[in-house]
Amino acid sequence: MNTKGKENYLTKKGERTMANNKVIIPTEKWVELYGELSNFILEYSSLDPIWTIDDEGNEVRTEDKQDEFMGIVDDVENIMRLCGFVKQGENNGI
C-alpha cells in the first residue's frame, strides 16, 4: 500500500496502522463491539444454518459456524486495532 503523503497511516513493527490517536475502550465494551460486529458479519455472509439446539435446549452456533465466528473475531479485532482502538489494559499501561 502506498502511504506516502498520508499522515494517518503508520508502519510499526511491520503492521499498518490507520490512526495516530488511540481510543482506549473498556474491556466490556471491547468484547461487546467485536462480538456484535463479528456476529453481524457471520449472519450476513452465511448461507448455511448458523444456530442449532444443544442437548440442554440452548440455542448455540454449529461447530463449523463457531469456528468461523472465531476467525471473524480475530479479523474484527485486528481491524479495530488498525483503526486506533485499544482495549483498556492491553499493552498500553492503562
PDB file of N, CA and C in Angstrom:
ATOM      1  N   MET A   1       0.846  -1.171   0.000  1.00  0.00           N
ATOM      2  CA  MET A   1       0.000   0.000   0.000  1.00  0.00           C
ATOM      3  C   MET A   1       0.892   1.234   0.000  1.00  0.00           C
ATOM      4  N   ASN A   2       0.588   2.177  -0.829  1.00  0.00           N
ATOM      5  CA  ASN A   2       1.341   3.421  -0.901  1.00  0.00           C
ATOM      6  C   ASN A   2       0.811   4.377   0.158  1.00  0.00           C
ATOM      7  N   THR A   3       1.667   4.666   1.158  1.00  0.00           N
ATOM      8  CA  THR A   3       1.228   5.529   2.251  1.00  0.00           C
ATOM      9  C   THR A   3       1.894   6.890   2.201  1.00  0.00           C
ATOM     10  N   LYS A   4       2.665   7.150   1.151  1.00  0.00           N
ATOM     11  CA  LYS A   4       3.350   8.436   1.039  1.00  0.00           C
ATOM     12  C   LYS A   4       2.325   9.568   1.017  1.00  0.00           C
ATOM     13  N   GLY A   5       2.545  10.546   1.894  1.00  0.00           N
ATOM     14  CA  GLY A   5       1.652  11.700   1.956  1.00  0.00           C
ATOM     15  C   GLY A   5       0.395  11.470   2.769  1.00  0.00           C
ATOM     16  N   LYS A   6       0.260  10.314   3.375  1.00  0.00           N
ATOM     17  CA  LYS A   6      -0.921  10.031   4.188  1.00  0.00           C
ATOM     18  C   LYS A   6      -0.473   9.946   5.632  1.00  0.00           C
ATOM     19  N   GLU A   7      -0.628  11.021   6.364  1.00  0.00           N
ATOM     20  CA  GLU A   7      -0.137  11.090   7.735  1.00  0.00           C
ATOM     21  C   GLU A   7      -0.877  10.168   8.687  1.00  0.00           C
ATOM     22  N   ASN A   8      -2.078   9.753   8.335  1.00  0.00           N
ATOM     23  CA  ASN A   8      -2.832   8.907   9.250  1.00  0.00           C
ATOM     24  C   ASN A   8      -2.464   7.432   9.129  1.00  0.00           C
ATOM     25  N   TYR A   9      -1.492   7.090   8.306  1.00  0.00           N
ATOM     26  CA  TYR A   9      -1.009   5.716   8.216  1.00  0.00           C
ATOM     27  C   TYR A   9       0.379   5.635   8.827  1.00  0.00           C
ATOM     28  N   LEU A  10       0.586   4.651   9.687  1.00  0.00           N
ATOM     29  CA  LEU A  10       1.874   4.430  10.313  1.00  0.00           C
ATOM     30  C   LEU A  10       2.307   3.004  10.058  1.00  0.00           C
ATOM     31  N   THR A  11       3.596   2.794   9.975  1.00  0.00           N
ATOM     32  CA  THR A  11       4.119   1.444   9.925  1.00  0.00           C
ATOM     33  C   THR A  11       4.879   1.235  11.214  1.00  0.00           C
ATOM     34  N   LYS A  12       4.457   0.255  11.984  1.00  0.00           N
ATOM     35  CA  LYS A  12       5.057  -0.007  13.277  1.00  0.00           C
ATOM     36  C   LYS A  12       5.244  -1.512  13.424  1.00  0.00           C
ATOM     37  N   LYS A  13       6.477  -1.943  13.514  1.00  0.00           N
ATOM     38  CA  LYS A  13       6.790  -3.365  13.656  1.00  0.00           C
ATOM     39  C   LYS A  13       6.121  -4.183  12.558  1.00  0.00           C
ATOM     40  N   GLY A  14       6.117  -3.667  11.345  1.00  0.00           N
ATOM     41  CA  GLY A  14       5.563  -4.405  10.221  1.00  0.00           C
ATOM     42  C   GLY A  14       4.060  -4.367  10.113  1.00  0.00           C
ATOM     43  N   GLU A  15       3.393  -3.667  11.032  1.00  0.00           N
ATOM     44  CA  GLU A  15       1.935  -3.575  10.980  1.00  0.00           C
ATOM     45  C   GLU A  15       1.522  -2.214  10.468  1.00  0.00           C
ATOM     46  N   ARG A  16       0.460  -2.201   9.693  1.00  0.00           N
ATOM     47  CA  ARG A  16      -0.088  -0.949   9.199  1.00  0.00           C
ATOM     48  C   ARG A  16      -1.125  -0.456  10.200  1.00  0.00           C
ATOM     49  N   THR A  17      -1.019   0.800  10.551  1.00  0.00           N
ATOM     50  CA  THR A  17      -1.981   1.404  11.465  1.00  0.00           C
ATOM     51  C   THR A  17      -2.629   2.569  10.743  1.00  0.00           C
ATOM     52  N   MET A  18      -3.929   2.729  10.866  1.00  0.00           N
ATOM     53  CA  MET A  18      -4.628   3.775  10.142  1.00  0.00           C
ATOM     54  C   MET A  18      -4.857   5.014  10.989  1.00  0.00           C
ATOM     55  N   ALA A  19      -4.486   5.004  12.245  1.00  0.00           N
ATOM     56  CA  ALA A  19      -4.767   6.160  13.088  1.00  0.00           C
ATOM     57  C   ALA A  19      -3.599   6.428  14.019  1.00  0.00           C
ATOM     58  N   ASN A  20      -3.240   7.711  14.134  1.00  0.00           N
ATOM     59  CA  ASN A  20      -2.197   8.110  15.072  1.00  0.00           C
ATOM     60  C   ASN A  20      -2.726   8.133  16.493  1.00  0.00           C
ATOM     61  N   ASN A  21      -3.918   8.617  16.672  1.00  0.00           N
ATOM     62  CA  ASN A  21      -4.510   8.743  18.007  1.00  0.00           C
ATOM     63  C   ASN A  21      -5.186   7.438  18.388  1.00  0.00           C
ATOM     64  N   LYS A  22      -4.934   7.015  19.613  1.00  0.00           N
ATOM     65  CA  LYS A  22      -5.535   5.788  20.114  1.00  0.00           C
ATOM     66  C   LYS A  22      -6.794   6.105  20.909  1.00  0.00           C
ATOM     67  N   VAL A  23      -7.785   5.275  20.755  1.00  0.00           N
ATOM     68  CA  VAL A  23      -9.023   5.383  21.521  1.00  0.00           C
ATOM     69  C   VAL A  23      -9.071   4.168  22.435  1.00  0.00           C
ATOM     70  N   ILE A  24      -8.992   4.405  23.724  1.00  0.00           N
ATOM     71  CA  ILE A  24      -8.992   3.314  24.693  1.00  0.00           C
ATOM     72  C   ILE A  24     -10.431   2.949  25.031  1.00  0.00           C
ATOM     73  N   ILE A  25     -10.731   1.672  24.876  1.00  0.00           N
ATOM     74  CA  ILE A  25     -12.087   1.174  25.091  1.00  0.00           C
ATOM     75  C   ILE A  25     -12.069   0.218  26.280  1.00  0.00           C
ATOM     76  N   PRO A  26     -12.977   0.420  27.246  1.00  0.00           N
ATOM     77  CA  PRO A  26     -13.066  -0.522  28.376  1.00  0.00           C
ATOM     78  C   PRO A  26     -13.289  -1.949  27.864  1.00  0.00           C
ATOM     79  N   THR A  27     -12.746  -2.912  28.573  1.00  0.00           N
ATOM     80  CA  THR A  27     -12.789  -4.315  28.147  1.00  0.00           C
ATOM     81  C   THR A  27     -14.202  -4.786  27.842  1.00  0.00           C
ATOM     82  N   GLU A  28     -15.165  -4.423  28.687  1.00  0.00           N
ATOM     83  CA  GLU A  28     -16.547  -4.873  28.470  1.00  0.00           C
ATOM     84  C   GLU A  28     -17.088  -4.371  27.145  1.00  0.00           C
ATOM     85  N   LYS A  29     -16.800  -3.108  26.822  1.00  0.00           N
ATOM     86  CA  LYS A  29     -17.271  -2.521  25.561  1.00  0.00           C
ATOM     87  C   LYS A  29     -16.518  -3.116  24.384  1.00  0.00           C
ATOM     88  N   TRP A  30     -15.213  -3.401  24.566  1.00  0.00           N
ATOM     89  CA  TRP A  30     -14.400  -4.029  23.525  1.00  0.00           C
ATOM     90  C   TRP A  30     -15.028  -5.367  23.110  1.00  0.00           C
ATOM     91  N   VAL A  31     -15.357  -6.192  24.105  1.00  0.00           N
ATOM     92  CA  VAL A  31     -15.942  -7.506  23.844  1.00  0.00           C
ATOM     93  C   VAL A  31     -17.306  -7.351  23.183  1.00  0.00           C
ATOM     94  N   GLU A  32     -18.104  -6.424  23.672  1.00  0.00           N
ATOM     95  CA  GLU A  32     -19.422  -6.181  23.088  1.00  0.00           C
ATOM     96  C   GLU A  32     -19.299  -5.755  21.626  1.00  0.00           C
ATOM     97  N   LEU A  33     -18.361  -4.860  21.338  1.00  0.00           N
ATOM     98  CA  LEU A  33     -18.198  -4.340  19.984  1.00  0.00           C
ATOM     99  C   LEU A  33     -17.725  -5.424  19.021  1.00  0.00           C
ATOM    100  N   TYR A  34     -16.646  -6.153  19.377  1.00  0.00           N
ATOM    101  CA  TYR A  34     -16.185  -7.176  18.442  1.00  0.00           C
ATOM    102  C   TYR A  34     -17.203  -8.301  18.319  1.00  0.00           C
ATOM    103  N   GLY A  35     -17.932  -8.591  19.395  1.00  0.00           N
ATOM    104  CA  GLY A  35     -18.949  -9.640  19.340  1.00  0.00           C
ATOM    105  C   GLY A  35     -20.094  -9.284  18.414  1.00  0.00           C
ATOM    106  N   GLU A  36     -20.598  -8.063  18.552  1.00  0.00           N
ATOM    107  CA  GLU A  36     -21.708  -7.610  17.699  1.00  0.00           C
ATOM    108  C   GLU A  36     -21.296  -7.552  16.233  1.00  0.00           C
ATOM    109  N   LEU A  37     -20.129  -6.978  15.966  1.00  0.00           N
ATOM    110  CA  LEU A  37     -19.658  -6.873  14.585  1.00  0.00           C
ATOM    111  C   LEU A  37     -19.407  -8.254  13.982  1.00  0.00           C
ATOM    112  N   SER A  38     -18.775  -9.124  14.737  1.00  0.00           N
ATOM    113  CA  SER A  38     -18.457 -10.466  14.238  1.00  0.00           C
ATOM    114  C   SER A  38     -19.725 -11.272  13.979  1.00  0.00           C
ATOM    115  N   ASN A  39     -20.685 -11.176  14.879  1.00  0.00           N
ATOM    116  CA  ASN A  39     -21.942 -11.898  14.689  1.00  0.00           C
ATOM    117  C   ASN A  39     -22.691 -11.364  13.471  1.00  0.00           C
ATOM    118  N   PHE A  40     -22.679 -10.051  13.283  1.00  0.00           N
ATOM    119  CA  PHE A  40     -23.335  -9.455  12.115  1.00  0.00           C
ATOM    120  C   PHE A  40     -22.700  -9.982  10.831  1.00  0.00           C
ATOM    121  N   ILE A  41     -21.363  -9.990  10.779  1.00  0.00           N
ATOM    122  CA  ILE A  41     -20.663 -10.487   9.589  1.00  0.00           C
ATOM    123  C   ILE A  41     -21.005 -11.941   9.340  1.00  0.00           C
ATOM    124  N   LEU A  42     -20.991 -12.751  10.386  1.00  0.00           N
ATOM    125  CA  LEU A  42     -21.310 -14.173  10.242  1.00  0.00           C
ATOM    126  C   LEU A  42     -22.726 -14.362   9.710  1.00  0.00           C
ATOM    127  N   GLU A  43     -23.689 -13.685  10.308  1.00  0.00           N
ATOM    128  CA  GLU A  43     -25.079 -13.847   9.891  1.00  0.00           C
ATOM    129  C   GLU A  43     -25.313 -13.307   8.494  1.00  0.00           C
ATOM    130  N   TYR A  44     -24.667 -12.218   8.152  1.00  0.00           N
ATOM    131  CA  TYR A  44     -24.841 -11.603   6.839  1.00  0.00           C
ATOM    132  C   TYR A  44     -24.241 -12.470   5.734  1.00  0.00           C
ATOM    133  N   SER A  45     -23.135 -13.146   6.037  1.00  0.00           N
ATOM    134  CA  SER A  45     -22.398 -13.866   4.998  1.00  0.00           C
ATOM    135  C   SER A  45     -22.719 -15.357   4.919  1.00  0.00           C
ATOM    136  N   SER A  46     -23.454 -15.895   5.858  1.00  0.00           N
ATOM    137  CA  SER A  46     -23.684 -17.348   5.913  1.00  0.00           C
ATOM    138  C   SER A  46     -24.874 -17.776   5.075  1.00  0.00           C
ATOM    139  N   LEU A  47     -24.638 -18.815   4.309  1.00  0.00           N
ATOM    140  CA  LEU A  47     -25.732 -19.438   3.566  1.00  0.00           C
ATOM    141  C   LEU A  47     -26.249 -20.664   4.311  1.00  0.00           C
ATOM    142  N   ASP A  48     -25.375 -21.293   5.076  1.00  0.00           N
ATOM    143  CA  ASP A  48     -25.736 -22.486   5.845  1.00  0.00           C
ATOM    144  C   ASP A  48     -26.306 -22.077   7.198  1.00  0.00           C
ATOM    145  N   PRO A  49     -27.063 -22.981   7.828  1.00  0.00           N
ATOM    146  CA  PRO A  49     -27.592 -22.678   9.166  1.00  0.00           C
ATOM    147  C   PRO A  49     -26.471 -22.356  10.151  1.00  0.00           C
ATOM    148  N   ILE A  50     -26.711 -21.378  10.993  1.00  0.00           N
ATOM    149  CA  ILE A  50     -25.726 -20.935  11.985  1.00  0.00           C
ATOM    150  C   ILE A  50     -26.042 -21.545  13.343  1.00  0.00           C
ATOM    151  N   TRP A  51     -27.304 -21.618  13.673  1.00  0.00           N
ATOM    152  CA  TRP A  51     -27.720 -21.995  15.023  1.00  0.00           C
ATOM    153  C   TRP A  51     -28.287 -23.406  15.056  1.00  0.00           C
ATOM    154  N   THR A  52     -28.103 -24.044  16.207  1.00  0.00           N
ATOM    155  CA  THR A  52     -28.667 -25.365  16.474  1.00  0.00           C
ATOM    156  C   THR A  52     -29.053 -25.402  17.951  1.00  0.00           C
ATOM    157  N   ILE A  53     -29.769 -26.417  18.345  1.00  0.00           N
ATOM    158  CA  ILE A  53     -30.167 -26.578  19.742  1.00  0.00           C
ATOM    159  C   ILE A  53     -29.293 -27.680  20.353  1.00  0.00           C
ATOM    160  N   ASP A  54     -28.643 -27.362  21.485  1.00  0.00           N
ATOM    161  CA  ASP A  54     -27.786 -28.364  22.130  1.00  0.00           C
ATOM    162  C   ASP A  54     -28.620 -29.301  23.003  1.00  0.00           C
ATOM    163  N   ASP A  55     -27.947 -30.234  23.664  1.00  0.00           N
ATOM    164  CA  ASP A  55     -28.629 -31.244  24.478  1.00  0.00           C
ATOM    165  C   ASP A  55     -29.392 -30.656  25.655  1.00  0.00           C
ATOM    166  N   GLU A  56     -28.999 -29.458  26.082  1.00  0.00           N
ATOM    167  CA  GLU A  56     -29.667 -28.802  27.210  1.00  0.00           C
ATOM    168  C   GLU A  56     -30.769 -27.850  26.761  1.00  0.00           C
ATOM    169  N   GLY A  57     -31.035 -27.816  25.453  1.00  0.00           N
ATOM    170  CA  GLY A  57     -32.095 -26.973  24.929  1.00  0.00           C
ATOM    171  C   GLY A  57     -31.679 -25.539  24.649  1.00  0.00           C
ATOM    172  N   ASN A  58     -30.370 -25.252  24.693  1.00  0.00           N
ATOM    173  CA  ASN A  58     -29.872 -23.908  24.413  1.00  0.00           C
ATOM    174  C   ASN A  58     -29.580 -23.732  22.934  1.00  0.00           C
ATOM    175  N   GLU A  59     -29.866 -22.546  22.434  1.00  0.00           N
ATOM    176  CA  GLU A  59     -29.514 -22.233  21.057  1.00  0.00           C
ATOM    177  C   GLU A  59     -28.034 -21.868  21.011  1.00  0.00           C
ATOM    178  N   VAL A  60     -27.261 -22.605  20.214  1.00  0.00           N
ATOM    179  CA  VAL A  60     -25.816 -22.404  20.096  1.00  0.00           C
ATOM    180  C   VAL A  60     -25.439 -22.442  18.614  1.00  0.00           C
ATOM    181  N   ARG A  61     -24.272 -21.886  18.311  1.00  0.00           N
ATOM    182  CA  ARG A  61     -23.776 -21.969  16.941  1.00  0.00           C
ATOM    183  C   ARG A  61     -23.365 -23.410  16.643  1.00  0.00           C
ATOM    184  N   THR A  62     -23.512 -23.805  15.382  1.00  0.00           N
ATOM    185  CA  THR A  62     -22.993 -25.110  14.985  1.00  0.00           C
ATOM    186  C   THR A  62     -21.475 -25.078  15.153  1.00  0.00           C
ATOM    187  N   GLU A  63     -20.848 -26.231  15.209  1.00  0.00           N
ATOM    188  CA  GLU A  63     -19.401 -26.293  15.415  1.00  0.00           C
ATOM    189  C   GLU A  63     -18.651 -25.555  14.302  1.00  0.00           C
ATOM    190  N   ASP A  64     -19.063 -25.771  13.051  1.00  0.00           N
ATOM    191  CA  ASP A  64     -18.412 -25.083  11.930  1.00  0.00           C
ATOM    192  C   ASP A  64     -18.595 -23.574  12.014  1.00  0.00           C
ATOM    193  N   LYS A  65     -19.791 -23.145  12.374  1.00  0.00           N
ATOM    194  CA  LYS A  65     -20.054 -21.702  12.447  1.00  0.00           C
ATOM    195  C   LYS A  65     -19.356 -21.063  13.645  1.00  0.00           C
ATOM    196  N   GLN A  66     -19.180 -21.827  14.730  1.00  0.00           N
ATOM    197  CA  GLN A  66     -18.420 -21.306  15.871  1.00  0.00           C
ATOM    198  C   GLN A  66     -16.962 -21.093  15.464  1.00  0.00           C
ATOM    199  N   ASP A  67     -16.399 -22.041  14.724  1.00  0.00           N
ATOM    200  CA  ASP A  67     -15.025 -21.880  14.228  1.00  0.00           C
ATOM    201  C   ASP A  67     -14.920 -20.672  13.306  1.00  0.00           C
ATOM    202  N   GLU A  68     -15.905 -20.527  12.422  1.00  0.00           N
ATOM    203  CA  GLU A  68     -15.921 -19.378  11.511  1.00  0.00           C
ATOM    204  C   GLU A  68     -16.038 -18.067  12.290  1.00  0.00           C
ATOM    205  N   PHE A  69     -16.902 -18.062  13.301  1.00  0.00           N
ATOM    206  CA  PHE A  69     -17.083 -16.882  14.141  1.00  0.00           C
ATOM    207  C   PHE A  69     -15.769 -16.479  14.799  1.00  0.00           C
ATOM    208  N   MET A  70     -15.026 -17.450  15.328  1.00  0.00           N
ATOM    209  CA  MET A  70     -13.759 -17.135  15.996  1.00  0.00           C
ATOM    210  C   MET A  70     -12.750 -16.547  15.019  1.00  0.00           C
ATOM    211  N   GLY A  71     -12.731 -17.008  13.787  1.00  0.00           N
ATOM    212  CA  GLY A  71     -11.870 -16.421  12.765  1.00  0.00           C
ATOM    213  C   GLY A  71     -12.270 -14.993  12.451  1.00  0.00           C
ATOM    214  N   ILE A  72     -13.574 -14.757  12.380  1.00  0.00           N
ATOM    215  CA  ILE A  72     -14.074 -13.402  12.133  1.00  0.00           C
ATOM    216  C   ILE A  72     -13.693 -12.487  13.293  1.00  0.00           C
ATOM    217  N   VAL A  73     -13.809 -12.979  14.529  1.00  0.00           N
ATOM    218  CA  VAL A  73     -13.433 -12.201  15.711  1.00  0.00           C
ATOM    219  C   VAL A  73     -11.981 -11.734  15.588  1.00  0.00           C
ATOM    220  N   ASP A  74     -11.087 -12.631  15.203  1.00  0.00           N
ATOM    221  CA  ASP A  74      -9.680 -12.254  15.038  1.00  0.00           C
ATOM    222  C   ASP A  74      -9.529 -11.129  14.024  1.00  0.00           C
ATOM    223  N   ASP A  75     -10.226 -11.254  12.894  1.00  0.00           N
ATOM    224  CA  ASP A  75     -10.149 -10.217  11.858  1.00  0.00           C
ATOM    225  C   ASP A  75     -10.723  -8.891  12.343  1.00  0.00           C
ATOM    226  N   VAL A  76     -11.863  -8.949  13.011  1.00  0.00           N
ATOM    227  CA  VAL A  76     -12.505  -7.722  13.502  1.00  0.00           C
ATOM    228  C   VAL A  76     -11.618  -7.032  14.531  1.00  0.00           C
ATOM    229  N   GLU A  77     -11.030  -7.794  15.455  1.00  0.00           N
ATOM    230  CA  GLU A  77     -10.137  -7.186  16.448  1.00  0.00           C
ATOM    231  C   GLU A  77      -8.924  -6.548  15.779  1.00  0.00           C
ATOM    232  N   ASN A  78      -8.391  -7.191  14.751  1.00  0.00           N
ATOM    233  CA  ASN A  78      -7.263  -6.595  14.026  1.00  0.00           C
ATOM    234  C   ASN A  78      -7.666  -5.297  13.340  1.00  0.00           C
ATOM    235  N   ILE A  79      -8.838  -5.271  12.744  1.00  0.00           N
ATOM    236  CA  ILE A  79      -9.330  -4.047  12.106  1.00  0.00           C
ATOM    237  C   ILE A  79      -9.527  -2.951  13.145  1.00  0.00           C
ATOM    238  N   MET A  80     -10.084  -3.311  14.294  1.00  0.00           N
ATOM    239  CA  MET A  80     -10.284  -2.325  15.360  1.00  0.00           C
ATOM    240  C   MET A  80      -8.946  -1.709  15.773  1.00  0.00           C
ATOM    241  N   ARG A  81      -7.936  -2.552  15.915  1.00  0.00           N
ATOM    242  CA  ARG A  81      -6.610  -2.054  16.302  1.00  0.00           C
ATOM    243  C   ARG A  81      -6.015  -1.172  15.209  1.00  0.00           C
ATOM    244  N   LEU A  82      -6.176  -1.576  13.948  1.00  0.00           N
ATOM    245  CA  LEU A  82      -5.679  -0.764  12.836  1.00  0.00           C
ATOM    246  C   LEU A  82      -6.329   0.613  12.805  1.00  0.00           C
ATOM    247  N   CYS A  83      -7.567   0.679  13.262  1.00  0.00           N
ATOM    248  CA  CYS A  83      -8.293   1.954  13.288  1.00  0.00           C
ATOM    249  C   CYS A  83      -7.977   2.782  14.528  1.00  0.00           C
ATOM    250  N   GLY A  84      -7.086   2.292  15.375  1.00  0.00           N
ATOM    251  CA  GLY A  84      -6.656   3.064  16.530  1.00  0.00           C
ATOM    252  C   GLY A  84      -7.367   2.746  17.822  1.00  0.00           C
ATOM    253  N   PHE A  85      -8.215   1.715  17.831  1.00  0.00           N
ATOM    254  CA  PHE A  85      -8.876   1.320  19.068  1.00  0.00           C
ATOM    255  C   PHE A  85      -7.954   0.407  19.864  1.00  0.00           C
ATOM    256  N   VAL A  86      -7.921   0.614  21.167  1.00  0.00           N
ATOM    257  CA  VAL A  86      -7.084  -0.172  22.061  1.00  0.00           C
ATOM    258  C   VAL A  86      -7.946  -0.637  23.222  1.00  0.00           C
ATOM    259  N   LYS A  87      -7.834  -1.933  23.541  1.00  0.00           N
ATOM    260  CA  LYS A  87      -8.564  -2.456  24.692  1.00  0.00           C
ATOM    261  C   LYS A  87      -7.857  -1.995  25.961  1.00  0.00           C
ATOM    262  N   GLN A  88      -8.612  -1.469  26.907  1.00  0.00           N
ATOM    263  CA  GLN A  88      -8.052  -0.974  28.150  1.00  0.00           C
ATOM    264  C   GLN A  88      -7.226  -2.061  28.814  1.00  0.00           C
ATOM    265  N   GLY A  89      -6.000  -1.695  29.223  1.00  0.00           N
ATOM    266  CA  GLY A  89      -5.128  -2.624  29.889  1.00  0.00           C
ATOM    267  C   GLY A  89      -4.314  -3.512  28.982  1.00  0.00           C
ATOM    268  N   GLU A  90      -4.470  -3.379  27.687  1.00  0.00           N
ATOM    269  CA  GLU A  90      -3.786  -4.253  26.730  1.00  0.00           C
ATOM    270  C   GLU A  90      -2.504  -3.600  26.240  1.00  0.00           C
ATOM    271  N   ASN A  91      -1.390  -3.925  26.875  1.00  0.00           N
ATOM    272  CA  ASN A  91      -0.077  -3.425  26.467  1.00  0.00           C
ATOM    273  C   ASN A  91      -0.019  -1.917  26.257  1.00  0.00           C
ATOM    274  N   ASN A  92      -0.798  -1.183  27.025  1.00  0.00           N
ATOM    275  CA  ASN A  92      -0.777   0.271  26.861  1.00  0.00           C
ATOM    276  C   ASN A  92      -0.576   0.983  28.190  1.00  0.00           C
ATOM    277  N   GLY A  93      -0.310   0.232  29.237  1.00  0.00           N
ATOM    278  CA  GLY A  93      -0.020   0.830  30.536  1.00  0.00           C
ATOM    279  C   GLY A  93      -1.199   1.481  31.214  1.00  0.00           C
ATOM    280  N   ILE A  94      -2.407   1.192  30.741  1.00  0.00           N
ATOM    281  CA  ILE A  94      -3.583   1.828  31.332  1.00  0.00           C
ATOM    282  C   ILE A  94      -4.424   0.783  32.034  1.00  0.00           C
TER     283      ILE A  94
END
